[in-house]
Every structure is written in C-alpha cells, then in structure tokens.
C-alpha atoms as a PDB file:
ATOM      1  CA  MET A   1     114.206  93.003 101.588  1.00  0.00           C
ATOM      2  CA  ASN A   2     115.453  89.283 102.114  1.00  0.00           C
ATOM      3  CA  GLU A   3     116.146  87.733  99.123  1.00  0.00           C
ATOM      4  CA  GLN A   4     114.144  84.581  99.311  1.00  0.00           C
ATOM      5  CA  SER A   5     111.312  87.700  99.675  1.00  0.00           C
ATOM      6  CA  PHE A   6     108.664  87.229  97.352  1.00  0.00           C
ATOM      7  CA  TYR A   7     107.185  90.675  98.678  1.00  0.00           C
ATOM      8  CA  LYS A   8     108.247  92.996 101.205  1.00  0.00           C
ATOM      9  CA  TYR A   9     105.091  93.138 103.097  1.00  0.00           C
ATOM     10  CA  HIS A  10     102.333  90.422 103.032  1.00  0.00           C
ATOM     11  CA  VAL A  11      99.535  91.805 104.978  1.00  0.00           C
ATOM     12  CA  PHE A  12      96.467  88.717 105.987  1.00  0.00           C
ATOM     13  CA  PHE A  13      93.113  89.950 107.319  1.00  0.00           C
ATOM     14  CA  CYS A  14      91.756  87.243 109.658  1.00  0.00           C
ATOM     15  CA  MET A  15      88.259  86.854 107.388  1.00  0.00           C
ATOM     16  CA  ASN A  16      86.951  83.934 109.602  1.00  0.00           C
ATOM     17  CA  GLU A  17      83.678  83.842 110.568  1.00  0.00           C
ATOM     18  CA  ARG A  18      81.750  81.961 113.394  1.00  0.00           C
ATOM     19  CA  GLU A  19      78.215  80.943 113.725  1.00  0.00           C
ATOM     20  CA  GLY A  20      76.099  79.998 116.975  1.00  0.00           C
ATOM     21  CA  LYS A  21      75.225  82.125 119.997  1.00  0.00           C
ATOM     22  CA  ASP A  22      78.126  80.536 121.931  1.00  0.00           C
ATOM     23  CA  ALA A  23      81.043  81.048 119.183  1.00  0.00           C
ATOM     24  CA  ARG A  24      84.220  83.348 120.312  1.00  0.00           C
ATOM     25  CA  PRO A  25      83.532  86.410 118.474  1.00  0.00           C
ATOM     26  CA  SER A  26      85.335  86.084 114.727  1.00  0.00           C
ATOM     27  CA  CYS A  27      86.851  88.859 112.641  1.00  0.00           C
ATOM     28  CA  GLY A  28      84.595  88.249 109.609  1.00  0.00           C
ATOM     29  CA  LYS A  29      81.873  89.542 111.832  1.00  0.00           C
ATOM     30  CA  CYS A  30      83.900  92.970 112.483  1.00  0.00           C
ATOM     31  CA  GLY A  31      83.942  94.317 109.194  1.00  0.00           C
ATOM     32  CA  ALA A  32      87.216  92.339 107.999  1.00  0.00           C
ATOM     33  CA  GLU A  33      85.940  92.019 104.132  1.00  0.00           C
ATOM     34  CA  LYS A  34      85.563  95.739 103.592  1.00  0.00           C
ATOM     35  CA  ALA A  35      88.478  96.692 105.310  1.00  0.00           C
ATOM     36  CA  GLN A  36      90.601  93.845 103.340  1.00  0.00           C
ATOM     37  CA  LYS A  37      88.617  94.744 100.905  1.00  0.00           C
ATOM     38  CA  HIS A  38      90.198  98.805 101.198  1.00  0.00           C
ATOM     39  CA  ALA A  39      93.327  97.695 101.989  1.00  0.00           C
ATOM     40  CA  LYS A  40      93.975  95.987  99.180  1.00  0.00           C
ATOM     41  CA  LYS A  41      92.540  99.200  96.604  1.00  0.00           C
ATOM     42  CA  ARG A  42      94.507 101.744  98.612  1.00  0.00           C
ATOM     43  CA  ILE A  43      97.732  99.749  98.149  1.00  0.00           C
ATOM     44  CA  LYS A  44      96.614  99.559  94.234  1.00  0.00           C
ATOM     45  CA  GLU A  45      95.832 103.260  94.010  1.00  0.00           C
ATOM     46  CA  LEU A  46      99.363 104.158  96.213  1.00  0.00           C
ATOM     47  CA  GLY A  47     101.630 101.886  93.361  1.00  0.00           C
ATOM     48  CA  LEU A  48     102.465  99.729  96.225  1.00  0.00           C
ATOM     49  CA  SER A  49     101.187  96.356  94.985  1.00  0.00           C
ATOM     50  CA  GLY A  50     103.088  93.947  92.742  1.00  0.00           C
ATOM     51  CA  GLU A  51     106.472  91.573  93.385  1.00  0.00           C
ATOM     52  CA  GLY A  52     108.702  93.464  95.506  1.00  0.00           C
ATOM     53  CA  LYS A  53     106.298  95.062  96.752  1.00  0.00           C
ATOM     54  CA  VAL A  54     102.978  94.877  98.640  1.00  0.00           C
ATOM     55  CA  ARG A  55     100.376  92.070  98.767  1.00  0.00           C
ATOM     56  CA  VAL A  56      97.248  92.099 100.589  1.00  0.00           C
ATOM     57  CA  ASN A  57      95.751  88.802 101.275  1.00  0.00           C
ATOM     58  CA  GLN A  58      92.445  87.261 103.054  1.00  0.00           C
ATOM     59  CA  SER A  59      92.946  84.162 105.537  1.00  0.00           C
ATOM     60  CA  GLY A  60      91.162  81.671 107.587  1.00  0.00           C
ATOM     61  CA  CYS A  61      91.337  82.028 111.518  1.00  0.00           C
ATOM     62  CA  LEU A  62      94.200  83.429 112.834  1.00  0.00           C
ATOM     63  CA  ASP A  63      93.266  82.312 116.354  1.00  0.00           C
ATOM     64  CA  ARG A  64      94.046  85.943 117.841  1.00  0.00           C
ATOM     65  CA  CYS A  65      89.733  86.164 118.034  1.00  0.00           C
ATOM     66  CA  GLU A  66      89.202  88.320 121.322  1.00  0.00           C
ATOM     67  CA  GLU A  67      91.638  90.758 119.872  1.00  0.00           C
ATOM     68  CA  GLY A  68      89.758  91.152 116.263  1.00  0.00           C
ATOM     69  CA  PRO A  69      89.777  92.276 113.852  1.00  0.00           C
ATOM     70  CA  VAL A  70      93.374  91.467 113.197  1.00  0.00           C
ATOM     71  CA  LEU A  71      95.135  91.176 110.308  1.00  0.00           C
ATOM     72  CA  VAL A  72      99.597  90.298 110.536  1.00  0.00           C
ATOM     73  CA  VAL A  73     102.364  91.817 108.560  1.00  0.00           C
ATOM     74  CA  TYR A  74     105.130  89.828 107.526  1.00  0.00           C
ATOM     75  CA  PRO A  75     108.002  89.442 107.194  1.00  0.00           C
ATOM     76  CA  GLU A  76     108.377  91.052 110.693  1.00  0.00           C
ATOM     77  CA  GLY A  77     105.308  89.823 112.060  1.00  0.00           C
ATOM     78  CA  THR A  78     103.416  92.262 113.241  1.00  0.00           C
ATOM     79  CA  TRP A  79      99.961  91.986 114.889  1.00  0.00           C
ATOM     80  CA  TYR A  80      97.796  94.894 114.264  1.00  0.00           C
ATOM     81  CA  THR A  81      93.693  95.323 115.504  1.00  0.00           C
ATOM     82  CA  TYR A  82      91.779  98.010 113.552  1.00  0.00           C
ATOM     83  CA  VAL A  83      87.876  99.513 114.421  1.00  0.00           C
ATOM     84  CA  ASP A  84      88.057 101.471 110.634  1.00  0.00           C
ATOM     85  CA  ASN A  85      88.977 102.870 107.316  1.00  0.00           C
ATOM     86  CA  ASP A  86      91.099 105.103 109.423  1.00  0.00           C
ATOM     87  CA  ASP A  87      92.696 102.714 111.258  1.00  0.00           C
ATOM     88  CA  ILE A  88      93.990 100.188 107.825  1.00  0.00           C
ATOM     89  CA  ASP A  89      94.841 103.899 106.507  1.00  0.00           C
ATOM     90  CA  ASP A  90      97.841 104.506 109.438  1.00  0.00           C
ATOM     91  CA  ILE A  91      98.591 101.087 109.221  1.00  0.00           C
ATOM     92  CA  ILE A  92      99.590 101.585 104.811  1.00  0.00           C
ATOM     93  CA  ASP A  93     100.621 105.146 105.241  1.00  0.00           C
ATOM     94  CA  THR A  94     103.132 104.378 108.422  1.00  0.00           C
ATOM     95  CA  HIS A  95     103.994 100.551 108.150  1.00  0.00           C
ATOM     96  CA  LEU A  96     103.599  99.506 104.929  1.00  0.00           C
ATOM     97  CA  VAL A  97     105.511 102.908 103.278  1.00  0.00           C
ATOM     98  CA  GLY A  98     107.264 104.196 106.332  1.00  0.00           C
ATOM     99  CA  GLY A  99     108.634 101.310 107.615  1.00  0.00           C
ATOM    100  CA  LYS A 100     107.335 102.282 111.505  1.00  0.00           C
ATOM    101  CA  VAL A 101     105.357  99.851 113.740  1.00  0.00           C
ATOM    102  CA  VAL A 102     101.728 101.906 114.385  1.00  0.00           C
ATOM    103  CA  GLU A 103     102.344 101.539 118.390  1.00  0.00           C
ATOM    104  CA  ARG A 104      97.919 102.693 119.368  1.00  0.00           C
ATOM    105  CA  LEU A 105      97.403  98.985 116.943  1.00  0.00           C
ATOM    106  CA  LYS A 106      99.805  96.438 117.804  1.00  0.00           C
ATOM    107  CA  ILE A 107      98.871  93.610 119.800  1.00  0.00           C
END
C-alpha cells in the first residue's frame, strides 16, 4: 500500500441522475444506489472496511455516462461497469480481495 494512501482501495460509485427526455444516460437511473449500498454492506461483512483497507463512496458524475452504470477503483484507476449484485460481488472478490482485475466488467 502506498504510504500516502489512507485506504488500500477507494471505490467510487457514480450516483448522478439526469432529468429530461433528451438527457444523457445516468448511473443513478441504472441501480447505482442499490449497488453501492450492497458493496458497502458486503465490505463491512467481510471485515474489509476501515483505515488501510477498503472505502466505498458515492460520487457525482464521473462522465462515463454511455458506459454506465460505472464505478472506479483507486489507486489503480480501474473502471468497471456492472449489471447486478453478482457483478459487484465479482469485483469485490476478484479485485478488492484477490488483487486481480475483472476483465469482463472492465471499461
């Protein structure tokens, strides 16, 4: 872990929600809140939350709207899309626990 990093992994879920019929797609309308809450709960259940471990946060628009919903894992800057909680679990188990990128979900 980088000595300057407070967390080993910091995960940001885009939660932006646009209004209007001509608006670009938005993660908030694609289940982002449910997915973020699931990830946060699962990280706590696995004992992975806290200093030096994993932090799961919400974010505003990450500007990858057409590829959404999206999340990004730092410090690597790995971008993922997802469909359901199985995808979120795969990101947690493979990347956050196992240290390997989930190629099928990587943007």
